[in-house]
PDB file of N, CA and C in Angstrom:
ATOM      1  N   MET A   1     -29.637  39.654 -53.013  1.00  0.00           N
ATOM      2  CA  MET A   1     -29.018  39.423 -51.714  1.00  0.00           C
ATOM      3  C   MET A   1     -27.643  40.055 -51.651  1.00  0.00           C
ATOM      4  N   ASN A   2     -27.295  40.424 -50.490  1.00  0.00           N
ATOM      5  CA  ASN A   2     -26.021  41.045 -50.241  1.00  0.00           C
ATOM      6  C   ASN A   2     -24.968  39.958 -49.995  1.00  0.00           C
ATOM      7  N   PRO A   3     -23.830  39.969 -50.727  1.00  0.00           N
ATOM      8  CA  PRO A   3     -22.814  38.922 -50.526  1.00  0.00           C
ATOM      9  C   PRO A   3     -22.219  38.948 -49.131  1.00  0.00           C
ATOM     10  N   ARG A   4     -22.261  40.082 -48.470  1.00  0.00           N
ATOM     11  CA  ARG A   4     -21.731  40.155 -47.118  1.00  0.00           C
ATOM     12  C   ARG A   4     -22.587  39.363 -46.152  1.00  0.00           C
ATOM     13  N   ARG A   5     -23.892  39.260 -46.418  1.00  0.00           N
ATOM     14  CA  ARG A   5     -24.786  38.511 -45.530  1.00  0.00           C
ATOM     15  C   ARG A   5     -24.543  37.011 -45.623  1.00  0.00           C
ATOM     16  N   ASP A   6     -24.060  36.544 -46.761  1.00  0.00           N
ATOM     17  CA  ASP A   6     -23.800  35.114 -46.925  1.00  0.00           C
ATOM     18  C   ASP A   6     -22.644  34.637 -46.054  1.00  0.00           C
ATOM     19  N   TYR A   7     -21.717  35.540 -45.766  1.00  0.00           N
ATOM     20  CA  TYR A   7     -20.536  35.159 -44.990  1.00  0.00           C
ATOM     21  C   TYR A   7     -20.551  35.740 -43.584  1.00  0.00           C
ATOM     22  N   ARG A   8     -21.688  35.893 -43.019  1.00  0.00           N
ATOM     23  CA  ARG A   8     -21.752  36.481 -41.691  1.00  0.00           C
ATOM     24  C   ARG A   8     -21.336  35.453 -40.640  1.00  0.00           C
ATOM     25  N   GLY A   9     -20.837  35.949 -39.549  1.00  0.00           N
ATOM     26  CA  GLY A   9     -20.344  35.073 -38.488  1.00  0.00           C
ATOM     27  C   GLY A   9     -21.469  34.592 -37.601  1.00  0.00           C
ATOM     28  N   SER A  10     -21.121  33.724 -36.675  1.00  0.00           N
ATOM     29  CA  SER A  10     -22.125  33.171 -35.773  1.00  0.00           C
ATOM     30  C   SER A  10     -22.689  34.238 -34.851  1.00  0.00           C
ATOM     31  N   ARG A  11     -21.895  35.252 -34.607  1.00  0.00           N
ATOM     32  CA  ARG A  11     -22.353  36.312 -33.713  1.00  0.00           C
ATOM     33  C   ARG A  11     -23.481  37.124 -34.351  1.00  0.00           C
ATOM     34  N   THR A  12     -23.362  37.418 -35.616  1.00  0.00           N
ATOM     35  CA  THR A  12     -24.406  38.191 -36.289  1.00  0.00           C
ATOM     36  C   THR A  12     -25.609  37.323 -36.605  1.00  0.00           C
ATOM     37  N   SER A  13     -25.429  36.010 -36.732  1.00  0.00           N
ATOM     38  CA  SER A  13     -26.579  35.139 -37.012  1.00  0.00           C
ATOM     39  C   SER A  13     -27.519  35.069 -35.811  1.00  0.00           C
ATOM     40  N   ALA A  14     -27.038  35.460 -34.656  1.00  0.00           N
ATOM     41  CA  ALA A  14     -27.899  35.475 -33.481  1.00  0.00           C
ATOM     42  C   ALA A  14     -28.949  36.575 -33.581  1.00  0.00           C
ATOM     43  N   PHE A  15     -28.657  37.603 -34.411  1.00  0.00           N
ATOM     44  CA  PHE A  15     -29.585  38.713 -34.573  1.00  0.00           C
ATOM     45  C   PHE A  15     -30.378  38.602 -35.869  1.00  0.00           C
ATOM     46  N   ASP A  16     -30.663  37.397 -36.320  1.00  0.00           N
ATOM     47  CA  ASP A  16     -31.408  37.181 -37.560  1.00  0.00           C
ATOM     48  C   ASP A  16     -32.810  37.776 -37.506  1.00  0.00           C
ATOM     49  N   GLY A  17     -33.433  37.762 -36.370  1.00  0.00           N
ATOM     50  CA  GLY A  17     -34.813  38.216 -36.266  1.00  0.00           C
ATOM     51  C   GLY A  17     -34.966  39.723 -36.348  1.00  0.00           C
ATOM     52  N   ILE A  18     -33.889  40.463 -36.192  1.00  0.00           N
ATOM     53  CA  ILE A  18     -33.980  41.922 -36.210  1.00  0.00           C
ATOM     54  C   ILE A  18     -33.598  42.396 -37.610  1.00  0.00           C
ATOM     55  N   GLU A  19     -34.531  43.112 -38.241  1.00  0.00           N
ATOM     56  CA  GLU A  19     -34.248  43.563 -39.598  1.00  0.00           C
ATOM     57  C   GLU A  19     -34.785  44.974 -39.795  1.00  0.00           C
ATOM     58  N   GLU A  20     -33.922  45.919 -39.895  1.00  0.00           N
ATOM     59  CA  GLU A  20     -34.234  47.318 -40.174  1.00  0.00           C
ATOM     60  C   GLU A  20     -35.350  47.860 -39.306  1.00  0.00           C
ATOM     61  N   GLY A  21     -35.158  47.725 -37.986  1.00  0.00           N
ATOM     62  CA  GLY A  21     -36.102  48.319 -37.063  1.00  0.00           C
ATOM     63  C   GLY A  21     -37.273  47.428 -36.729  1.00  0.00           C
ATOM     64  N   GLY A  22     -37.480  46.373 -37.434  1.00  0.00           N
ATOM     65  CA  GLY A  22     -38.587  45.467 -37.141  1.00  0.00           C
ATOM     66  C   GLY A  22     -38.079  44.115 -36.707  1.00  0.00           C
ATOM     67  N   ILE A  23     -38.898  43.379 -36.016  1.00  0.00           N
ATOM     68  CA  ILE A  23     -38.517  42.049 -35.547  1.00  0.00           C
ATOM     69  C   ILE A  23     -39.361  41.027 -36.292  1.00  0.00           C
ATOM     70  N   ARG A  24     -38.696  40.050 -36.890  1.00  0.00           N
ATOM     71  CA  ARG A  24     -39.435  38.974 -37.540  1.00  0.00           C
ATOM     72  C   ARG A  24     -39.652  37.877 -36.509  1.00  0.00           C
ATOM     73  N   ALA A  25     -40.830  37.738 -36.031  1.00  0.00           N
ATOM     74  CA  ALA A  25     -41.134  36.777 -34.975  1.00  0.00           C
ATOM     75  C   ALA A  25     -41.042  35.352 -35.483  1.00  0.00           C
ATOM     76  N   SER A  26     -41.409  35.103 -36.688  1.00  0.00           N
ATOM     77  CA  SER A  26     -41.417  33.733 -37.204  1.00  0.00           C
ATOM     78  C   SER A  26     -40.005  33.174 -37.313  1.00  0.00           C
ATOM     79  N   SER A  27     -39.033  34.033 -37.671  1.00  0.00           N
ATOM     80  CA  SER A  27     -37.660  33.569 -37.794  1.00  0.00           C
ATOM     81  C   SER A  27     -37.080  33.198 -36.428  1.00  0.00           C
ATOM     82  N   SER A  28     -37.308  34.045 -35.421  1.00  0.00           N
ATOM     83  CA  SER A  28     -36.760  33.740 -34.100  1.00  0.00           C
ATOM     84  C   SER A  28     -37.484  32.549 -33.488  1.00  0.00           C
ATOM     85  N   TYR A  29     -38.746  32.381 -33.798  1.00  0.00           N
ATOM     86  CA  TYR A  29     -39.489  31.237 -33.275  1.00  0.00           C
ATOM     87  C   TYR A  29     -38.985  29.948 -33.890  1.00  0.00           C
ATOM     88  N   SER A  30     -38.736  29.956 -35.181  1.00  0.00           N
ATOM     89  CA  SER A  30     -38.245  28.739 -35.816  1.00  0.00           C
ATOM     90  C   SER A  30     -36.827  28.416 -35.336  1.00  0.00           C
ATOM     91  N   SER A  31     -36.013  29.431 -35.081  1.00  0.00           N
ATOM     92  CA  SER A  31     -34.675  29.200 -34.555  1.00  0.00           C
ATOM     93  C   SER A  31     -34.761  28.583 -33.161  1.00  0.00           C
ATOM     94  N   HIS A  32     -35.682  29.098 -32.368  1.00  0.00           N
ATOM     95  CA  HIS A  32     -35.880  28.554 -31.020  1.00  0.00           C
ATOM     96  C   HIS A  32     -36.386  27.112 -31.099  1.00  0.00           C
ATOM     97  N   GLU A  33     -37.286  26.875 -32.030  1.00  0.00           N
ATOM     98  CA  GLU A  33     -37.834  25.529 -32.193  1.00  0.00           C
ATOM     99  C   GLU A  33     -36.751  24.558 -32.644  1.00  0.00           C
ATOM    100  N   ILE A  34     -35.870  25.012 -33.529  1.00  0.00           N
ATOM    101  CA  ILE A  34     -34.763  24.170 -33.986  1.00  0.00           C
ATOM    102  C   ILE A  34     -33.817  23.879 -32.833  1.00  0.00           C
ATOM    103  N   ASP A  35     -33.518  24.909 -32.016  1.00  0.00           N
ATOM    104  CA  ASP A  35     -32.646  24.704 -30.862  1.00  0.00           C
ATOM    105  C   ASP A  35     -33.245  23.696 -29.890  1.00  0.00           C
ATOM    106  N   GLU A  36     -34.540  23.774 -29.655  1.00  0.00           N
ATOM    107  CA  GLU A  36     -35.208  22.816 -28.771  1.00  0.00           C
ATOM    108  C   GLU A  36     -35.128  21.407 -29.349  1.00  0.00           C
ATOM    109  N   HIS A  37     -35.309  21.313 -30.658  1.00  0.00           N
ATOM    110  CA  HIS A  37     -35.229  19.992 -31.304  1.00  0.00           C
ATOM    111  C   HIS A  37     -33.816  19.423 -31.191  1.00  0.00           C
ATOM    112  N   ASP A  38     -32.803  20.286 -31.397  1.00  0.00           N
ATOM    113  CA  ASP A  38     -31.414  19.836 -31.247  1.00  0.00           C
ATOM    114  C   ASP A  38     -31.131  19.407 -29.813  1.00  0.00           C
ATOM    115  N   ASN A  39     -31.656  20.159 -28.859  1.00  0.00           N
ATOM    116  CA  ASN A  39     -31.469  19.805 -27.449  1.00  0.00           C
ATOM    117  C   ASN A  39     -32.143  18.475 -27.129  1.00  0.00           C
ATOM    118  N   ASP A  40     -33.350  18.273 -27.644  1.00  0.00           N
ATOM    119  CA  ASP A  40     -34.047  17.000 -27.405  1.00  0.00           C
ATOM    120  C   ASP A  40     -33.281  15.835 -28.024  1.00  0.00           C
ATOM    121  N   THR A  41     -32.753  16.061 -29.223  1.00  0.00           N
ATOM    122  CA  THR A  41     -31.971  15.006 -29.875  1.00  0.00           C
ATOM    123  C   THR A  41     -30.713  14.693 -29.074  1.00  0.00           C
ATOM    124  N   ALA A  42     -30.023  15.726 -28.627  1.00  0.00           N
ATOM    125  CA  ALA A  42     -28.812  15.524 -27.820  1.00  0.00           C
ATOM    126  C   ALA A  42     -29.150  14.846 -26.502  1.00  0.00           C
ATOM    127  N   LEU A  43     -30.278  15.223 -25.906  1.00  0.00           N
ATOM    128  CA  LEU A  43     -30.695  14.620 -24.642  1.00  0.00           C
ATOM    129  C   LEU A  43     -31.016  13.137 -24.825  1.00  0.00           C
ATOM    130  N   ASP A  44     -31.675  12.802 -25.931  1.00  0.00           N
ATOM    131  CA  ASP A  44     -31.956  11.392 -26.223  1.00  0.00           C
ATOM    132  C   ASP A  44     -30.660  10.610 -26.417  1.00  0.00           C
ATOM    133  N   GLY A  45     -29.693  11.220 -27.118  1.00  0.00           N
ATOM    134  CA  GLY A  45     -28.400  10.570 -27.307  1.00  0.00           C
ATOM    135  C   GLY A  45     -27.687  10.337 -25.985  1.00  0.00           C
ATOM    136  N   LEU A  46     -27.727  11.340 -25.110  1.00  0.00           N
ATOM    137  CA  LEU A  46     -27.107  11.183 -23.790  1.00  0.00           C
ATOM    138  C   LEU A  46     -27.805  10.114 -22.970  1.00  0.00           C
ATOM    139  N   GLN A  47     -29.124  10.067 -23.062  1.00  0.00           N
ATOM    140  CA  GLN A  47     -29.874   9.064 -22.314  1.00  0.00           C
ATOM    141  C   GLN A  47     -29.534   7.658 -22.817  1.00  0.00           C
ATOM    142  N   ASP A  48     -29.383   7.505 -24.126  1.00  0.00           N
ATOM    143  CA  ASP A  48     -28.975   6.215 -24.674  1.00  0.00           C
ATOM    144  C   ASP A  48     -27.586   5.825 -24.185  1.00  0.00           C
ATOM    145  N   ARG A  49     -26.679   6.801 -24.138  1.00  0.00           N
ATOM    146  CA  ARG A  49     -25.319   6.508 -23.656  1.00  0.00           C
ATOM    147  C   ARG A  49     -25.318   6.144 -22.179  1.00  0.00           C
ATOM    148  N   VAL A  50     -26.126   6.836 -21.398  1.00  0.00           N
ATOM    149  CA  VAL A  50     -26.210   6.531 -19.966  1.00  0.00           C
ATOM    150  C   VAL A  50     -26.765   5.118 -19.773  1.00  0.00           C
ATOM    151  N   ASN A  51     -27.792   4.761 -20.543  1.00  0.00           N
ATOM    152  CA  ASN A  51     -28.350   3.409 -20.441  1.00  0.00           C
ATOM    153  C   ASN A  51     -27.322   2.358 -20.846  1.00  0.00           C
ATOM    154  N   LEU A  52     -26.544   2.643 -21.888  1.00  0.00           N
ATOM    155  CA  LEU A  52     -25.503   1.713 -22.309  1.00  0.00           C
ATOM    156  C   LEU A  52     -24.448   1.554 -21.221  1.00  0.00           C
ATOM    157  N   LEU A  53     -24.005   2.670 -20.639  1.00  0.00           N
ATOM    158  CA  LEU A  53     -23.018   2.601 -19.561  1.00  0.00           C
ATOM    159  C   LEU A  53     -23.565   1.867 -18.341  1.00  0.00           C
ATOM    160  N   LYS A  54     -24.854   2.045 -18.063  1.00  0.00           N
ATOM    161  CA  LYS A  54     -25.480   1.353 -16.932  1.00  0.00           C
ATOM    162  C   LYS A  54     -25.486  -0.149 -17.173  1.00  0.00           C
ATOM    163  N   ARG A  55     -25.834  -0.563 -18.398  1.00  0.00           N
ATOM    164  CA  ARG A  55     -25.812  -1.995 -18.720  1.00  0.00           C
ATOM    165  C   ARG A  55     -24.400  -2.546 -18.645  1.00  0.00           C
ATOM    166  N   LEU A  56     -23.425  -1.791 -19.177  1.00  0.00           N
ATOM    167  CA  LEU A  56     -22.039  -2.244 -19.133  1.00  0.00           C
ATOM    168  C   LEU A  56     -21.539  -2.384 -17.704  1.00  0.00           C
ATOM    169  N   SER A  57     -21.861  -1.423 -16.861  1.00  0.00           N
ATOM    170  CA  SER A  57     -21.411  -1.519 -15.465  1.00  0.00           C
ATOM    171  C   SER A  57     -22.092  -2.683 -14.760  1.00  0.00           C
ATOM    172  N   GLY A  58     -23.354  -2.964 -15.092  1.00  0.00           N
ATOM    173  CA  GLY A  58     -24.023  -4.139 -14.522  1.00  0.00           C
ATOM    174  C   GLY A  58     -23.372  -5.429 -14.976  1.00  0.00           C
ATOM    175  N   ASP A  59     -22.999  -5.504 -16.271  1.00  0.00           N
ATOM    176  CA  ASP A  59     -22.315  -6.696 -16.785  1.00  0.00           C
ATOM    177  C   ASP A  59     -20.948  -6.862 -16.130  1.00  0.00           C
ATOM    178  N   ILE A  60     -20.238  -5.752 -15.939  1.00  0.00           N
ATOM    179  CA  ILE A  60     -18.933  -5.821 -15.280  1.00  0.00           C
ATOM    180  C   ILE A  60     -19.097  -6.303 -13.843  1.00  0.00           C
ATOM    181  N   ASN A  61     -20.139  -5.832 -13.159  1.00  0.00           N
ATOM    182  CA  ASN A  61     -20.393  -6.251 -11.784  1.00  0.00           C
ATOM    183  C   ASN A  61     -20.662  -7.752 -11.724  1.00  0.00           C
ATOM    184  N   GLU A  62     -21.481  -8.260 -12.645  1.00  0.00           N
ATOM    185  CA  GLU A  62     -21.766  -9.706 -12.668  1.00  0.00           C
ATOM    186  C   GLU A  62     -20.497 -10.505 -12.937  1.00  0.00           C
ATOM    187  N   GLU A  63     -19.665 -10.007 -13.854  1.00  0.00           N
ATOM    188  CA  GLU A  63     -18.421 -10.710 -14.179  1.00  0.00           C
ATOM    189  C   GLU A  63     -17.475 -10.722 -12.975  1.00  0.00           C
ATOM    190  N   VAL A  64     -17.384  -9.613 -12.262  1.00  0.00           N
ATOM    191  CA  VAL A  64     -16.525  -9.548 -11.076  1.00  0.00           C
ATOM    192  C   VAL A  64     -17.035 -10.498 -10.000  1.00  0.00           C
ATOM    193  N   ASP A  65     -18.353 -10.544  -9.805  1.00  0.00           N
ATOM    194  CA  ASP A  65     -18.914 -11.472  -8.812  1.00  0.00           C
ATOM    195  C   ASP A  65     -18.614 -12.919  -9.189  1.00  0.00           C
ATOM    196  N   ALA A  66     -18.745 -13.261 -10.473  1.00  0.00           N
ATOM    197  CA  ALA A  66     -18.452 -14.628 -10.922  1.00  0.00           C
ATOM    198  C   ALA A  66     -16.986 -14.973 -10.687  1.00  0.00           C
ATOM    199  N   HIS A  67     -16.099 -14.031 -10.992  1.00  0.00           N
ATOM    200  CA  HIS A  67     -14.676 -14.294 -10.774  1.00  0.00           C
ATOM    201  C   HIS A  67     -14.350 -14.404  -9.291  1.00  0.00           C
ATOM    202  N   ASN A  68     -14.997 -13.610  -8.461  1.00  0.00           N
ATOM    203  CA  ASN A  68     -14.767 -13.714  -7.012  1.00  0.00           C
ATOM    204  C   ASN A  68     -15.203 -15.074  -6.487  1.00  0.00           C
ATOM    205  N   ARG A  69     -16.371 -15.567  -6.962  1.00  0.00           N
ATOM    206  CA  ARG A  69     -16.816 -16.904  -6.536  1.00  0.00           C
ATOM    207  C   ARG A  69     -15.828 -17.978  -6.992  1.00  0.00           C
ATOM    208  N   MET A  70     -15.346 -17.849  -8.230  1.00  0.00           N
ATOM    209  CA  MET A  70     -14.385 -18.828  -8.745  1.00  0.00           C
ATOM    210  C   MET A  70     -13.092 -18.791  -7.929  1.00  0.00           C
ATOM    211  N   LEU A  71     -12.615 -17.591  -7.588  1.00  0.00           N
ATOM    212  CA  LEU A  71     -11.396 -17.487  -6.792  1.00  0.00           C
ATOM    213  C   LEU A  71     -11.595 -18.037  -5.383  1.00  0.00           C
ATOM    214  N   ASP A  72     -12.778 -17.847  -4.810  1.00  0.00           N
ATOM    215  CA  ASP A  72     -13.057 -18.424  -3.490  1.00  0.00           C
ATOM    216  C   ASP A  72     -13.014 -19.944  -3.534  1.00  0.00           C
ATOM    217  N   ARG A  73     -13.644 -20.524  -4.573  1.00  0.00           N
ATOM    218  CA  ARG A  73     -13.606 -21.987  -4.715  1.00  0.00           C
ATOM    219  C   ARG A  73     -12.182 -22.473  -4.895  1.00  0.00           C
ATOM    220  N   MET A  74     -11.415 -21.766  -5.713  1.00  0.00           N
ATOM    221  CA  MET A  74     -10.038 -22.159  -5.958  1.00  0.00           C
ATOM    222  C   MET A  74      -9.220 -22.062  -4.666  1.00  0.00           C
ATOM    223  N   GLY A  75      -9.453 -21.013  -3.886  1.00  0.00           N
ATOM    224  CA  GLY A  75      -8.743 -20.875  -2.608  1.00  0.00           C
ATOM    225  C   GLY A  75      -9.084 -22.001  -1.654  1.00  0.00           C
ATOM    226  N   ASN A  76     -10.368 -22.386  -1.595  1.00  0.00           N
ATOM    227  CA  ASN A  76     -10.770 -23.498  -0.732  1.00  0.00           C
ATOM    228  C   ASN A  76     -10.132 -24.802  -1.180  1.00  0.00           C
ATOM    229  N   GLU A  77     -10.076 -25.022  -2.495  1.00  0.00           N
ATOM    230  CA  GLU A  77      -9.437 -26.243  -3.004  1.00  0.00           C
ATOM    231  C   GLU A  77      -7.941 -26.242  -2.710  1.00  0.00           C
ATOM    232  N   MET A  78      -7.314 -25.077  -2.815  1.00  0.00           N
ATOM    233  CA  MET A  78      -5.886 -24.991  -2.499  1.00  0.00           C
ATOM    234  C   MET A  78      -5.649 -25.275  -1.014  1.00  0.00           C
ATOM    235  N   ASP A  79      -6.531 -24.782  -0.158  1.00  0.00           N
ATOM    236  CA  ASP A  79      -6.393 -25.054   1.272  1.00  0.00           C
ATOM    237  C   ASP A  79      -6.510 -26.544   1.563  1.00  0.00           C
ATOM    238  N   SER A  80      -7.473 -27.207   0.916  1.00  0.00           N
ATOM    239  CA  SER A  80      -7.630 -28.639   1.172  1.00  0.00           C
ATOM    240  C   SER A  80      -6.435 -29.426   0.639  1.00  0.00           C
ATOM    241  N   SER A  81      -5.917 -29.026  -0.532  1.00  0.00           N
ATOM    242  CA  SER A  81      -4.743 -29.740  -1.053  1.00  0.00           C
ATOM    243  C   SER A  81      -3.505 -29.431  -0.218  1.00  0.00           C
ATOM    244  N   ARG A  82      -3.434 -28.224   0.335  1.00  0.00           N
ATOM    245  CA  ARG A  82      -2.312 -27.881   1.214  1.00  0.00           C
ATOM    246  C   ARG A  82      -2.340 -28.767   2.464  1.00  0.00           C
ATOM    247  N   GLY A  83      -3.530 -28.996   2.998  1.00  0.00           N
ATOM    248  CA  GLY A  83      -3.650 -29.884   4.158  1.00  0.00           C
ATOM    249  C   GLY A  83      -3.219 -31.305   3.827  1.00  0.00           C
ATOM    250  N   PHE A  84      -3.617 -31.780   2.661  1.00  0.00           N
ATOM    251  CA  PHE A  84      -3.243 -33.127   2.217  1.00  0.00           C
ATOM    252  C   PHE A  84      -1.730 -33.237   2.040  1.00  0.00           C
ATOM    253  N   LEU A  85      -1.134 -32.225   1.420  1.00  0.00           N
ATOM    254  CA  LEU A  85       0.312 -32.248   1.191  1.00  0.00           C
ATOM    255  C   LEU A  85       1.100 -32.107   2.489  1.00  0.00           C
ATOM    256  N   SER A  86       0.581 -31.317   3.410  1.00  0.00           N
ATOM    257  CA  SER A  86       1.311 -31.192   4.675  1.00  0.00           C
ATOM    258  C   SER A  86       1.294 -32.514   5.437  1.00  0.00           C
ATOM    259  N   GLY A  87       0.188 -33.256   5.341  1.00  0.00           N
ATOM    260  CA  GLY A  87       0.148 -34.587   5.961  1.00  0.00           C
ATOM    261  C   GLY A  87       1.158 -35.521   5.321  1.00  0.00           C
ATOM    262  N   THR A  88       1.284 -35.453   4.004  1.00  0.00           N
ATOM    263  CA  THR A  88       2.256 -36.289   3.297  1.00  0.00           C
ATOM    264  C   THR A  88       3.679 -35.902   3.679  1.00  0.00           C
ATOM    265  N   VAL A  89       3.957 -34.624   3.775  1.00  0.00           N
ATOM    266  CA  VAL A  89       5.295 -34.163   4.162  1.00  0.00           C
ATOM    267  C   VAL A  89       5.611 -34.603   5.590  1.00  0.00           C
ATOM    268  N   ASP A  90       4.616 -34.552   6.471  1.00  0.00           N
ATOM    269  CA  ASP A  90       4.834 -35.024   7.845  1.00  0.00           C
ATOM    270  C   ASP A  90       5.200 -36.505   7.860  1.00  0.00           C
ATOM    271  N   ARG A  91       4.536 -37.285   7.022  1.00  0.00           N
ATOM    272  CA  ARG A  91       4.876 -38.715   6.953  1.00  0.00           C
ATOM    273  C   ARG A  91       6.293 -38.927   6.417  1.00  0.00           C
ATOM    274  N   PHE A  92       6.688 -38.105   5.414  1.00  0.00           N
ATOM    275  CA  PHE A  92       8.056 -38.196   4.914  1.00  0.00           C
ATOM    276  C   PHE A  92       9.059 -37.858   6.006  1.00  0.00           C
ATOM    277  N   LYS A  93       8.790 -36.811   6.754  1.00  0.00           N
ATOM    278  CA  LYS A  93       9.679 -36.426   7.839  1.00  0.00           C
ATOM    279  C   LYS A  93       9.811 -37.559   8.853  1.00  0.00           C
ATOM    280  N   GLN A  94       8.676 -38.149   9.161  1.00  0.00           N
ATOM    281  CA  GLN A  94       8.693 -39.244  10.126  1.00  0.00           C
ATOM    282  C   GLN A  94       9.505 -40.425   9.589  1.00  0.00           C
ATOM    283  N   ALA A  95       9.353 -40.721   8.310  1.00  0.00           N
ATOM    284  CA  ALA A  95      10.099 -41.834   7.710  1.00  0.00           C
ATOM    285  C   ALA A  95      11.592 -41.543   7.688  1.00  0.00           C
ATOM    286  N   PHE A  96      11.986 -40.326   7.406  1.00  0.00           N
ATOM    287  CA  PHE A  96      13.400 -39.988   7.350  1.00  0.00           C
ATOM    288  C   PHE A  96      14.016 -39.859   8.734  1.00  0.00           C
ATOM    289  N   GLU A  97      13.227 -39.518   9.730  1.00  0.00           N
ATOM    290  CA  GLU A  97      13.754 -39.347  11.074  1.00  0.00           C
ATOM    291  C   GLU A  97      14.049 -40.693  11.739  1.00  0.00           C
ATOM    292  N   THR A  98      13.297 -41.732  11.399  1.00  0.00           N
ATOM    293  CA  THR A  98      13.516 -43.026  12.049  1.00  0.00           C
ATOM    294  C   THR A  98      14.804 -43.675  11.594  1.00  0.00           C
ATOM    295  N   LYS A  99      15.270 -43.329  10.405  1.00  0.00           N
ATOM    296  CA  LYS A  99      16.516 -43.833   9.841  1.00  0.00           C
ATOM    297  C   LYS A  99      16.527 -45.360   9.783  1.00  0.00           C
ATOM    298  N   SER A 100      15.392 -45.909   9.611  1.00  0.00           N
ATOM    299  CA  SER A 100      15.313 -47.357   9.464  1.00  0.00           C
ATOM    300  C   SER A 100      15.523 -47.689   7.992  1.00  0.00           C
ATOM    301  N   SER A 101      16.514 -48.494   7.704  1.00  0.00           N
ATOM    302  CA  SER A 101      16.821 -48.802   6.307  1.00  0.00           C
ATOM    303  C   SER A 101      15.700 -49.619   5.662  1.00  0.00           C
ATOM    304  N   ARG A 102      15.053 -50.470   6.425  1.00  0.00           N
ATOM    305  CA  ARG A 102      13.961 -51.279   5.870  1.00  0.00           C
ATOM    306  C   ARG A 102      12.773 -50.379   5.506  1.00  0.00           C
ATOM    307  N   ARG A 103      12.461 -49.428   6.372  1.00  0.00           N
ATOM    308  CA  ARG A 103      11.338 -48.515   6.112  1.00  0.00           C
ATOM    309  C   ARG A 103      11.649 -47.609   4.910  1.00  0.00           C
ATOM    310  N   MET A 104      12.895 -47.149   4.816  1.00  0.00           N
ATOM    311  CA  MET A 104      13.295 -46.309   3.688  1.00  0.00           C
ATOM    312  C   MET A 104      13.197 -47.101   2.393  1.00  0.00           C
ATOM    313  N   PHE A 105      13.644 -48.337   2.407  1.00  0.00           N
ATOM    314  CA  PHE A 105      13.568 -49.172   1.211  1.00  0.00           C
ATOM    315  C   PHE A 105      12.098 -49.388   0.804  1.00  0.00           C
ATOM    316  N   THR A 106      11.232 -49.623   1.753  1.00  0.00           N
ATOM    317  CA  THR A 106       9.810 -49.813   1.471  1.00  0.00           C
ATOM    318  C   THR A 106       9.204 -48.548   0.866  1.00  0.00           C
ATOM    319  N   LEU A 107       9.575 -47.418   1.391  1.00  0.00           N
ATOM    320  CA  LEU A 107       9.064 -46.148   0.890  1.00  0.00           C
ATOM    321  C   LEU A 107       9.512 -45.911  -0.549  1.00  0.00           C
ATOM    322  N   VAL A 108      10.791 -46.082  -0.820  1.00  0.00           N
ATOM    323  CA  VAL A 108      11.315 -45.861  -2.171  1.00  0.00           C
ATOM    324  C   VAL A 108      10.719 -46.874  -3.135  1.00  0.00           C
ATOM    325  N   ALA A 109      10.606 -48.125  -2.726  1.00  0.00           N
ATOM    326  CA  ALA A 109      10.046 -49.156  -3.599  1.00  0.00           C
ATOM    327  C   ALA A 109       8.576 -48.858  -3.911  1.00  0.00           C
ATOM    328  N   SER A 110       7.830 -48.386  -2.925  1.00  0.00           N
ATOM    329  CA  SER A 110       6.420 -48.077  -3.184  1.00  0.00           C
ATOM    330  C   SER A 110       6.282 -46.896  -4.156  1.00  0.00           C
ATOM    331  N   PHE A 111       7.167 -45.910  -4.072  1.00  0.00           N
ATOM    332  CA  PHE A 111       7.132 -44.807  -5.038  1.00  0.00           C
ATOM    333  C   PHE A 111       7.475 -45.285  -6.445  1.00  0.00           C
ATOM    334  N   VAL A 112       8.440 -46.157  -6.556  1.00  0.00           N
ATOM    335  CA  VAL A 112       8.818 -46.672  -7.877  1.00  0.00           C
ATOM    336  C   VAL A 112       7.668 -47.473  -8.471  1.00  0.00           C
ATOM    337  N   VAL A 113       7.051 -48.322  -7.677  1.00  0.00           N
ATOM    338  CA  VAL A 113       5.921 -49.122  -8.159  1.00  0.00           C
ATOM    339  C   VAL A 113       4.754 -48.208  -8.544  1.00  0.00           C
ATOM    340  N   LEU A 114       4.468 -47.233  -7.724  1.00  0.00           N
ATOM    341  CA  LEU A 114       3.393 -46.294  -8.026  1.00  0.00           C
ATOM    342  C   LEU A 114       3.681 -45.534  -9.317  1.00  0.00           C
ATOM    343  N   PHE A 115       4.912 -45.107  -9.523  1.00  0.00           N
ATOM    344  CA  PHE A 115       5.289 -44.409 -10.743  1.00  0.00           C
ATOM    345  C   PHE A 115       5.099 -45.313 -11.963  1.00  0.00           C
ATOM    346  N   LEU A 116       5.532 -46.549 -11.866  1.00  0.00           N
ATOM    347  CA  LEU A 116       5.393 -47.477 -12.995  1.00  0.00           C
ATOM    348  C   LEU A 116       3.923 -47.752 -13.317  1.00  0.00           C
ATOM    349  N   ILE A 117       3.093 -47.869 -12.302  1.00  0.00           N
ATOM    350  CA  ILE A 117       1.662 -48.098 -12.529  1.00  0.00           C
ATOM    351  C   ILE A 117       1.043 -46.895 -13.242  1.00  0.00           C
ATOM    352  N   ILE A 118       1.360 -45.728 -12.783  1.00  0.00           N
ATOM    353  CA  ILE A 118       0.817 -44.514 -13.414  1.00  0.00           C
ATOM    354  C   ILE A 118       1.344 -44.386 -14.846  1.00  0.00           C
ATOM    355  N   TYR A 119       2.605 -44.721 -15.047  1.00  0.00           N
ATOM    356  CA  TYR A 119       3.194 -44.624 -16.378  1.00  0.00           C
ATOM    357  C   TYR A 119       2.481 -45.568 -17.361  1.00  0.00           C
ATOM    358  N   TYR A 120       2.237 -46.815 -16.932  1.00  0.00           N
ATOM    359  CA  TYR A 120       1.582 -47.778 -17.836  1.00  0.00           C
ATOM    360  C   TYR A 120       0.100 -47.468 -18.031  1.00  0.00           C
ATOM    361  N   LEU A 121      -0.544 -46.867 -17.049  1.00  0.00           N
ATOM    362  CA  LEU A 121      -1.955 -46.505 -17.206  1.00  0.00           C
ATOM    363  C   LEU A 121      -2.150 -45.331 -18.160  1.00  0.00           C
ATOM    364  N   THR A 122      -1.209 -44.410 -18.156  1.00  0.00           N
ATOM    365  CA  THR A 122      -1.344 -43.244 -19.034  1.00  0.00           C
ATOM    366  C   THR A 122      -0.879 -43.521 -20.445  1.00  0.00           C
ATOM    367  N   ARG A 123      -0.150 -44.587 -20.650  1.00  0.00           N
ATOM    368  CA  ARG A 123       0.341 -44.940 -21.985  1.00  0.00           C
ATOM    369  C   ARG A 123      -0.690 -45.575 -22.775  1.00  0.00           C
TER     370      ARG A 123
END
């Protein structure tokens, strides 16, 4: 063998089938067959990656839908608690506007009693 042939570049390897005026059909056929096999392998790899990405995007979609439902429920609960708190604030405003000392004393005393009850229940 010629040592120069061992170190040939990719450009000259493309002409492997041509040898001193004759064409070796079996060599070019096997090269073509190898290229087809490499292409099929690469295509299978790409198909696996596409399937993986499709599954991942489906999982992400399900997760986003679940979070959207959770946020909707949370928003509805916040709206209902906002309504409850606004009613309580309106009652406070009404109590402070009347400037009745007896009503103010009753309000403060009821908060103190409520606080003490909650404190002893949680202890």
